[in-house]
Amino acid sequence: MMDYLLTEEQVMIRDLCRQIAKEKIAPLAAEYDKSEKFPHGIMKIIADADLFAIFVPLEYGGTGGRVLDMAIATEELSRACGGIAVCYAASALGTYPIVLFGNEEQKKKYLPDLAKGKTIAAFGLTEPEAGSDASAIKTTAVKKGDHYVLNGTKHFITNGGEAGVYTVVAMTDRTRGARGASAFIVEKGTPGFSFGKKEEKMGIRASTTCELIFTDCKIPKENLIAKEGMGFIVTMKTFDMSRPGVAAQALGIAQGALDIAVKYAKERHQFGKSIASFQGIQWMLADMATKVEASRALIYAVARMVDSGNTSVAKESAIAKLFASDAAMEVSTNAVQILGGYGYMRDYPAEKFMRDAKITQIYEGTNQIQRNIIALQLIKEMAK
């Protein structure tokens, strides 16, 4: 691995997460994948290691809120299991709107417990008819006196049913289109807030994905994030912060798949010698390693850009997510190919890495949407 000039604290985060991944996650990854149960025990281990504090500022009980730290942690956890790692990373996604746009009262109320891992967070945007076209959401929030009433359904929500705190985007003024959306904090247990179908997925099966259902759900007006009409600005700025994390998840999956492929190629013998001695296999491994290292360099650079305070990172975050997730799919697919028939069997973890990799090309904006974002930003820059 290249030297990325990590700080002493970041090296400690990397090494701690690597140890947890190796000792606590890897031995149970196949079991959680099969049972599709939420990894409560592992989330407690992660909380006890203060890893949820990584994405919360110091003044609210966190360790600084640096995106690079979160990316390093997510990468290392994903190296053992992308499904378990996304339970952790999705809490960051649900926390970022409060960090970025929450008022002082909201931050003091919610961030300390999120930093300690006493509760986890989730982000509610996607709906049955509003995926890539987020402006098509139908969930509404109507102000009535000192509260808002939410009605509608969100689906494909990671950590749905398990999280205690949800940041939810709903329409407060449909006549204004995308500018009529607002963001709210909704607590689990609020009357009128329930959970629907738990999805059965191809990959990341250790994570829980389910519907959020709002039926005349009353929440205090104090739970509005920022102000009315800011919902999509909150969402887009949150994604700018979180997409390096999705890219890091993809990177970890790719690195895990590469590790398996290299180990197998060295141990597997055909025609009287290790298949690692065959040029065809060597070239595949070399291409895989190149994609992994290029992804890491890009992700770390973008994360540092965000941490420097740069607020114009939409293009760069999209590039990181696009490149790393495509690389993860390619690397994991080639890992299955190198393992041959064994790669296709569940007795070996290669096929799980391939299944887990696919979602990174889809959620938090499909890679086709990432290409749109990149191209539009390029055009805007050229027009200046």
Protein backbone atom coordinates (compact mmCIF):
# COMPACT_ATOMS: atom_id res chain seq x y z
CA MET A 1 0.00 0.00 0.00
CA MET A 2 1.18 3.52 -0.79
CA ASP A 3 2.06 5.93 2.02
CA TYR A 4 -0.81 8.39 2.33
CA LEU A 5 0.85 10.40 5.10
CA LEU A 6 -1.86 9.59 7.62
CA THR A 7 -1.70 11.23 11.01
CA GLU A 8 -0.88 9.16 14.09
CA GLU A 9 -4.56 9.25 15.05
CA GLN A 10 -5.63 8.05 11.60
CA VAL A 11 -3.15 5.17 11.73
CA MET A 12 -4.66 4.20 15.10
CA ILE A 13 -8.16 4.29 13.58
CA ARG A 14 -7.01 2.16 10.65
CA ASP A 15 -5.27 -0.41 12.83
CA LEU A 16 -8.15 -0.61 15.33
CA CYS A 17 -10.74 -1.10 12.59
CA ARG A 18 -8.54 -3.65 10.87
CA GLN A 19 -8.29 -5.61 14.11
CA ILE A 20 -12.06 -5.49 14.68
CA ALA A 21 -12.66 -6.55 11.08
CA LYS A 22 -10.25 -9.48 11.34
CA GLU A 23 -11.14 -10.73 14.81
CA LYS A 24 -14.82 -9.85 15.22
CA ILE A 25 -16.40 -9.38 11.80
CA ALA A 26 -14.71 -11.81 9.40
CA PRO A 27 -15.48 -14.94 11.47
CA LEU A 28 -19.20 -14.04 11.54
CA ALA A 29 -19.65 -12.43 8.12
CA ALA A 30 -21.01 -15.55 6.40
CA GLU A 31 -23.38 -16.25 9.30
CA TYR A 32 -24.85 -12.74 9.21
CA ASP A 33 -25.10 -12.89 5.43
CA LYS A 34 -27.08 -16.11 5.68
CA SER A 35 -29.34 -15.15 8.57
CA GLU A 36 -29.88 -11.53 7.40
CA LYS A 37 -29.93 -10.45 11.05
CA PHE A 38 -28.77 -7.02 12.16
CA PRO A 39 -25.32 -7.26 13.83
CA HIS A 40 -26.20 -5.70 17.19
CA GLY A 41 -23.24 -7.32 18.94
CA ILE A 42 -20.72 -5.99 16.44
CA MET A 43 -22.28 -2.53 16.50
CA LYS A 44 -21.72 -2.51 20.28
CA ILE A 45 -18.08 -3.46 19.75
CA ILE A 46 -17.75 -0.59 17.26
CA ALA A 47 -19.47 1.78 19.71
CA ASP A 48 -17.25 0.69 22.60
CA ALA A 49 -14.23 1.45 20.39
CA ASP A 50 -15.56 5.04 19.99
CA LEU A 51 -15.79 4.64 16.22
CA PHE A 52 -19.21 6.30 16.00
CA ALA A 53 -17.56 9.40 17.45
CA ILE A 54 -15.50 9.77 14.27
CA PHE A 55 -18.17 11.65 12.35
CA VAL A 56 -19.24 13.96 15.20
CA PRO A 57 -17.48 17.25 16.08
CA LEU A 58 -15.46 17.46 19.31
CA GLU A 59 -17.82 19.85 21.06
CA TYR A 60 -20.65 17.30 20.91
CA GLY A 61 -18.72 14.28 22.16
CA GLY A 62 -17.08 13.26 18.91
CA THR A 63 -13.49 13.12 17.77
CA GLY A 64 -13.59 15.80 15.12
CA GLY A 65 -16.00 14.83 12.36
CA ARG A 66 -13.32 14.37 9.68
CA VAL A 67 -14.48 12.64 6.50
CA LEU A 68 -11.09 11.00 5.92
CA ASP A 69 -11.26 9.33 9.35
CA MET A 70 -14.73 7.99 8.53
CA ALA A 71 -13.54 6.76 5.13
CA ILE A 72 -10.58 4.92 6.67
CA ALA A 73 -12.83 3.22 9.23
CA THR A 74 -15.45 2.27 6.64
CA GLU A 75 -12.80 0.89 4.27
CA GLU A 76 -11.28 -1.36 6.91
CA LEU A 77 -14.62 -2.68 8.20
CA SER A 78 -15.82 -3.30 4.63
CA ARG A 79 -12.72 -5.34 3.94
CA ALA A 80 -14.32 -8.03 6.11
CA CYS A 81 -18.02 -7.44 5.37
CA GLY A 82 -19.69 -4.70 3.35
CA GLY A 83 -23.06 -5.47 4.93
CA ILE A 84 -21.91 -4.99 8.50
CA ALA A 85 -19.84 -1.96 7.56
CA VAL A 86 -22.81 -0.19 5.96
CA CYS A 87 -24.74 -0.41 9.24
CA TYR A 88 -21.99 1.79 10.63
CA ALA A 89 -21.61 4.06 7.59
CA ALA A 90 -25.38 4.59 7.24
CA SER A 91 -25.43 6.06 10.73
CA ALA A 92 -22.97 8.67 9.47
CA LEU A 93 -25.35 9.41 6.59
CA GLY A 94 -28.20 10.00 9.03
CA THR A 95 -25.99 12.07 11.34
CA TYR A 96 -24.46 14.43 8.78
CA PRO A 97 -27.62 16.54 8.22
CA ILE A 98 -27.66 17.38 11.93
CA VAL A 99 -23.92 18.09 11.95
CA LEU A 100 -24.12 20.29 8.85
CA PHE A 101 -27.44 22.07 9.31
CA GLY A 102 -28.78 21.35 12.78
CA ASN A 103 -29.18 24.23 15.24
CA GLU A 104 -27.38 24.24 18.57
CA GLU A 105 -30.30 22.68 20.46
CA GLN A 106 -30.61 19.84 17.96
CA LYS A 107 -26.89 19.15 18.02
CA LYS A 108 -26.76 19.07 21.82
CA LYS A 109 -29.82 16.83 21.98
CA TYR A 110 -28.88 14.20 19.40
CA LEU A 111 -25.16 14.19 18.61
CA PRO A 112 -23.73 13.05 21.97
CA ASP A 113 -25.74 9.80 21.96
CA LEU A 114 -24.96 9.23 18.27
CA ALA A 115 -21.27 9.75 19.00
CA LYS A 116 -21.36 7.17 21.79
CA GLY A 117 -23.28 4.68 19.66
CA LYS A 118 -26.09 4.62 22.22
CA THR A 119 -28.36 4.97 19.21
CA ILE A 120 -27.70 4.94 15.49
CA ALA A 121 -29.11 7.09 12.70
CA ALA A 122 -30.69 6.61 9.28
CA PHE A 123 -31.54 8.87 6.35
CA GLY A 124 -34.98 8.81 4.76
CA LEU A 125 -35.19 10.15 1.20
CA THR A 126 -35.98 7.37 -1.29
CA GLU A 127 -39.62 6.50 -2.03
CA PRO A 128 -41.36 3.94 -4.26
CA GLU A 129 -41.68 6.56 -7.04
CA ALA A 130 -38.73 8.77 -6.13
CA GLY A 131 -35.32 7.20 -6.51
CA SER A 132 -32.92 9.01 -8.80
CA ASP A 133 -35.58 11.72 -9.23
CA ALA A 134 -35.54 12.78 -5.60
CA SER A 135 -37.68 15.84 -6.37
CA ALA A 136 -40.61 13.49 -6.99
CA ILE A 137 -41.06 12.61 -3.32
CA LYS A 138 -44.65 12.45 -2.14
CA THR A 139 -44.21 12.32 1.63
CA THR A 140 -45.69 15.52 3.02
CA ALA A 141 -45.14 17.57 6.16
CA VAL A 142 -47.95 19.99 7.00
CA LYS A 143 -47.42 22.57 9.73
CA LYS A 144 -50.20 22.73 12.30
CA GLY A 145 -49.54 25.04 15.19
CA ASP A 146 -46.44 23.98 17.09
CA HIS A 147 -45.88 20.76 15.17
CA TYR A 148 -45.70 19.19 11.70
CA VAL A 149 -47.78 16.23 10.54
CA LEU A 150 -45.96 13.77 8.29
CA ASN A 151 -47.70 11.39 5.89
CA GLY A 152 -46.08 9.08 3.35
CA THR A 153 -43.72 6.16 2.88
CA LYS A 154 -39.98 5.89 2.46
CA HIS A 155 -38.41 2.68 1.23
CA PHE A 156 -35.02 1.02 0.81
CA ILE A 157 -33.90 2.76 4.02
CA THR A 158 -30.67 1.35 5.44
CA ASN A 159 -30.87 0.89 9.24
CA GLY A 160 -34.65 1.26 8.96
CA GLY A 161 -36.25 -0.14 12.11
CA GLU A 162 -32.91 -0.35 13.89
CA ALA A 163 -32.00 3.34 14.07
CA GLY A 164 -33.30 5.54 16.85
CA VAL A 165 -32.89 8.83 14.96
CA TYR A 166 -34.03 9.48 11.39
CA THR A 167 -33.44 12.49 9.17
CA VAL A 168 -36.39 12.54 6.79
CA VAL A 169 -37.06 14.68 3.72
CA ALA A 170 -40.69 15.63 3.08
CA MET A 171 -42.59 18.18 1.00
CA THR A 172 -43.80 21.24 2.87
CA ASP A 173 -44.84 23.14 -0.28
CA ARG A 174 -45.35 21.02 -3.36
CA THR A 175 -46.02 24.06 -5.55
CA ARG A 176 -42.34 25.03 -5.28
CA GLY A 177 -41.04 21.71 -6.65
CA ALA A 178 -37.63 20.74 -5.29
CA ARG A 179 -37.52 24.00 -3.33
CA GLY A 180 -40.59 22.92 -1.43
CA ALA A 181 -38.85 20.06 0.37
CA SER A 182 -37.75 20.25 4.00
CA ALA A 183 -35.71 18.02 6.31
CA PHE A 184 -36.83 16.80 9.74
CA ILE A 185 -35.54 14.78 12.66
CA VAL A 186 -37.91 11.95 13.57
CA GLU A 187 -37.35 9.71 16.57
CA LYS A 188 -38.20 6.03 16.65
CA GLY A 189 -41.29 5.48 18.77
CA THR A 190 -43.01 8.67 17.68
CA PRO A 191 -46.77 7.95 17.34
CA GLY A 192 -47.69 7.54 13.69
CA PHE A 193 -44.18 6.39 12.74
CA SER A 194 -43.95 2.67 11.92
CA PHE A 195 -41.93 0.27 9.83
CA GLY A 196 -43.02 -1.78 6.86
CA LYS A 197 -41.49 -4.53 4.79
CA LYS A 198 -37.95 -5.65 5.54
CA GLU A 199 -36.30 -6.24 2.18
CA GLU A 200 -34.57 -9.49 1.19
CA LYS A 201 -31.46 -8.44 -0.72
CA MET A 202 -28.86 -9.87 -3.06
CA GLY A 203 -26.00 -8.41 -1.03
CA ILE A 204 -25.17 -6.45 2.14
CA ARG A 205 -27.61 -8.81 3.81
CA ALA A 206 -26.36 -8.15 7.35
CA SER A 207 -27.80 -4.65 7.10
CA THR A 208 -31.50 -4.02 7.60
CA THR A 209 -33.33 -2.30 4.75
CA CYS A 210 -37.01 -1.50 5.25
CA GLU A 211 -39.87 0.92 4.75
CA LEU A 212 -40.59 3.91 6.95
CA ILE A 213 -44.32 4.63 7.19
CA PHE A 214 -45.70 7.95 8.41
CA THR A 215 -49.40 8.10 9.23
CA ASP A 216 -50.45 11.44 10.74
CA CYS A 217 -47.09 11.44 12.49
CA LYS A 218 -46.81 14.55 14.67
CA ILE A 219 -43.32 15.92 15.31
CA PRO A 220 -42.42 19.17 17.10
CA LYS A 221 -41.66 22.17 14.89
CA GLU A 222 -38.27 22.26 16.65
CA ASN A 223 -37.35 19.11 14.69
CA LEU A 224 -37.20 21.02 11.40
CA ILE A 225 -33.60 21.06 10.17
CA ALA A 226 -32.45 24.49 8.94
CA LYS A 227 -35.67 26.01 7.57
CA GLU A 228 -38.52 25.14 5.25
CA GLY A 229 -37.47 24.67 1.65
CA MET A 230 -33.91 23.64 2.54
CA GLY A 231 -34.54 19.90 2.22
CA PHE A 232 -32.67 19.33 -1.02
CA ILE A 233 -29.79 21.57 -0.11
CA VAL A 234 -29.47 19.54 3.10
CA THR A 235 -29.62 16.35 1.04
CA MET A 236 -27.08 17.36 -1.60
CA LYS A 237 -24.58 18.73 0.93
CA THR A 238 -25.02 15.56 2.99
CA PHE A 239 -24.27 13.42 -0.06
CA ASP A 240 -21.16 15.47 -0.78
CA MET A 241 -19.95 14.44 2.68
CA SER A 242 -21.17 10.85 2.58
CA ARG A 243 -20.24 9.78 -0.96
CA PRO A 244 -16.55 9.39 -0.06
CA GLY A 245 -17.85 6.97 2.59
CA VAL A 246 -19.75 4.91 0.00
CA ALA A 247 -16.61 4.98 -2.13
CA ALA A 248 -14.63 3.77 0.89
CA GLN A 249 -17.10 0.92 1.38
CA ALA A 250 -16.55 -0.07 -2.25
CA LEU A 251 -12.80 0.21 -1.76
CA GLY A 252 -12.88 -2.06 1.28
CA ILE A 253 -14.95 -4.64 -0.60
CA ALA A 254 -12.50 -4.50 -3.52
CA GLN A 255 -9.49 -4.86 -1.22
CA GLY A 256 -11.11 -7.80 0.55
CA ALA A 257 -11.81 -9.51 -2.77
CA LEU A 258 -8.25 -8.88 -3.93
CA ASP A 259 -6.87 -10.36 -0.70
CA ILE A 260 -8.87 -13.52 -1.28
CA ALA A 261 -7.80 -13.77 -4.92
CA VAL A 262 -4.09 -13.37 -4.16
CA LYS A 263 -4.21 -15.93 -1.33
CA TYR A 264 -6.06 -18.46 -3.46
CA ALA A 265 -3.81 -17.94 -6.49
CA LYS A 266 -0.75 -18.70 -4.36
CA GLU A 267 -2.28 -21.82 -2.83
CA ARG A 268 -4.05 -23.29 -5.86
CA HIS A 269 -1.90 -25.59 -8.04
CA GLN A 270 -2.64 -26.66 -11.59
CA PHE A 271 -0.32 -28.33 -14.09
CA GLY A 272 2.17 -28.86 -11.30
CA LYS A 273 2.56 -25.25 -10.16
CA SER A 274 0.78 -22.37 -8.41
CA ILE A 275 -1.69 -20.57 -10.64
CA ALA A 276 -0.10 -17.35 -9.38
CA SER A 277 2.83 -18.21 -11.66
CA PHE A 278 0.62 -17.99 -14.76
CA GLN A 279 0.89 -14.71 -16.64
CA GLY A 280 -2.84 -14.57 -17.28
CA ILE A 281 -3.55 -14.64 -13.54
CA GLN A 282 -0.71 -12.22 -12.78
CA TRP A 283 -2.11 -9.66 -15.20
CA MET A 284 -5.56 -9.95 -13.65
CA LEU A 285 -4.12 -9.43 -10.16
CA ALA A 286 -2.04 -6.49 -11.35
CA ASP A 287 -5.07 -4.78 -12.89
CA MET A 288 -7.12 -5.45 -9.76
CA ALA A 289 -4.41 -4.01 -7.49
CA THR A 290 -4.09 -0.94 -9.72
CA LYS A 291 -7.84 -0.23 -9.54
CA VAL A 292 -7.82 -0.66 -5.76
CA GLU A 293 -4.87 1.67 -5.20
CA ALA A 294 -6.20 4.27 -7.62
CA SER A 295 -9.53 4.20 -5.78
CA ARG A 296 -7.80 4.68 -2.44
CA ALA A 297 -5.74 7.62 -3.70
CA LEU A 298 -8.83 9.30 -5.13
CA ILE A 299 -11.00 8.75 -2.05
CA TYR A 300 -8.39 9.97 0.39
CA ALA A 301 -7.74 13.06 -1.76
CA VAL A 302 -11.44 13.93 -1.96
CA ALA A 303 -11.93 13.31 1.78
CA ARG A 304 -9.05 15.65 2.54
CA MET A 305 -10.62 18.21 0.21
CA VAL A 306 -13.89 18.04 2.17
CA ASP A 307 -12.04 18.23 5.50
CA SER A 308 -10.18 21.34 4.34
CA GLY A 309 -13.50 23.18 4.33
CA ASN A 310 -14.00 23.21 0.57
CA THR A 311 -17.73 23.42 -0.04
CA SER A 312 -17.64 22.83 -3.81
CA VAL A 313 -16.98 19.11 -3.88
CA ALA A 314 -20.04 17.70 -5.69
CA LYS A 315 -18.04 16.73 -8.78
CA GLU A 316 -15.11 15.27 -6.84
CA SER A 317 -17.33 13.28 -4.46
CA ALA A 318 -19.24 11.89 -7.44
CA ILE A 319 -15.98 10.95 -9.19
CA ALA A 320 -14.75 9.08 -6.11
CA LYS A 321 -18.01 7.19 -5.70
CA LEU A 322 -18.24 6.38 -9.40
CA PHE A 323 -14.68 5.17 -9.83
CA ALA A 324 -14.44 3.16 -6.62
CA SER A 325 -17.78 1.38 -7.01
CA ASP A 326 -17.09 0.43 -10.62
CA ALA A 327 -13.67 -0.80 -9.51
CA ALA A 328 -15.23 -2.84 -6.70
CA MET A 329 -17.57 -4.58 -9.12
CA GLU A 330 -14.73 -5.34 -11.54
CA VAL A 331 -12.29 -6.50 -8.88
CA SER A 332 -14.80 -8.71 -7.06
CA THR A 333 -15.99 -10.25 -10.34
CA ASN A 334 -12.38 -11.03 -11.29
CA ALA A 335 -11.79 -12.52 -7.84
CA VAL A 336 -14.64 -14.95 -8.49
CA GLN A 337 -13.10 -15.74 -11.87
CA ILE A 338 -9.68 -16.47 -10.36
CA LEU A 339 -11.23 -18.84 -7.83
CA GLY A 340 -13.06 -20.57 -10.67
CA GLY A 341 -15.76 -22.98 -9.54
CA TYR A 342 -14.86 -22.35 -5.91
CA GLY A 343 -15.49 -18.65 -6.42
CA TYR A 344 -19.08 -19.46 -7.29
CA MET A 345 -19.64 -21.47 -4.12
CA ARG A 346 -20.78 -20.04 -0.80
CA ASP A 347 -18.12 -22.05 0.99
CA TYR A 348 -15.73 -19.33 -0.19
CA PRO A 349 -16.32 -15.61 0.47
CA ALA A 350 -15.54 -14.36 -3.05
CA GLU A 351 -19.14 -14.56 -4.25
CA LYS A 352 -20.31 -12.58 -1.21
CA PHE A 353 -17.89 -9.76 -2.03
CA MET A 354 -19.26 -9.72 -5.57
CA ARG A 355 -22.85 -9.52 -4.32
CA ASP A 356 -21.98 -6.81 -1.81
CA ALA A 357 -20.09 -4.76 -4.40
CA LYS A 358 -23.10 -4.32 -6.69
CA ILE A 359 -25.08 -2.06 -4.38
CA THR A 360 -22.26 0.50 -4.26
CA GLN A 361 -23.02 1.27 -7.90
CA ILE A 362 -26.65 1.92 -7.01
CA TYR A 363 -27.30 3.63 -3.69
CA GLU A 364 -26.68 7.26 -2.75
CA GLY A 365 -27.14 8.00 -6.44
CA THR A 366 -26.67 5.45 -9.20
CA ASN A 367 -23.46 5.67 -11.16
CA GLN A 368 -25.42 7.01 -14.10
CA ILE A 369 -26.54 9.89 -11.86
CA GLN A 370 -22.92 10.38 -10.73
CA ARG A 371 -21.93 10.79 -14.38
CA ASN A 372 -24.65 13.40 -14.80
CA ILE A 373 -23.36 15.31 -11.78
CA ILE A 374 -19.77 15.17 -13.02
CA ALA A 375 -20.66 16.29 -16.52
CA LEU A 376 -22.91 19.14 -15.38
CA GLN A 377 -20.23 20.45 -13.03
CA LEU A 378 -17.66 20.27 -15.80
CA ILE A 379 -19.93 22.29 -18.09
CA LYS A 380 -20.54 24.90 -15.38
CA GLU A 381 -16.81 25.23 -14.76
CA MET A 382 -16.08 25.71 -18.45
CA ALA A 383 -18.74 28.43 -18.63
CA LYS A 384 -16.96 30.57 -16.02
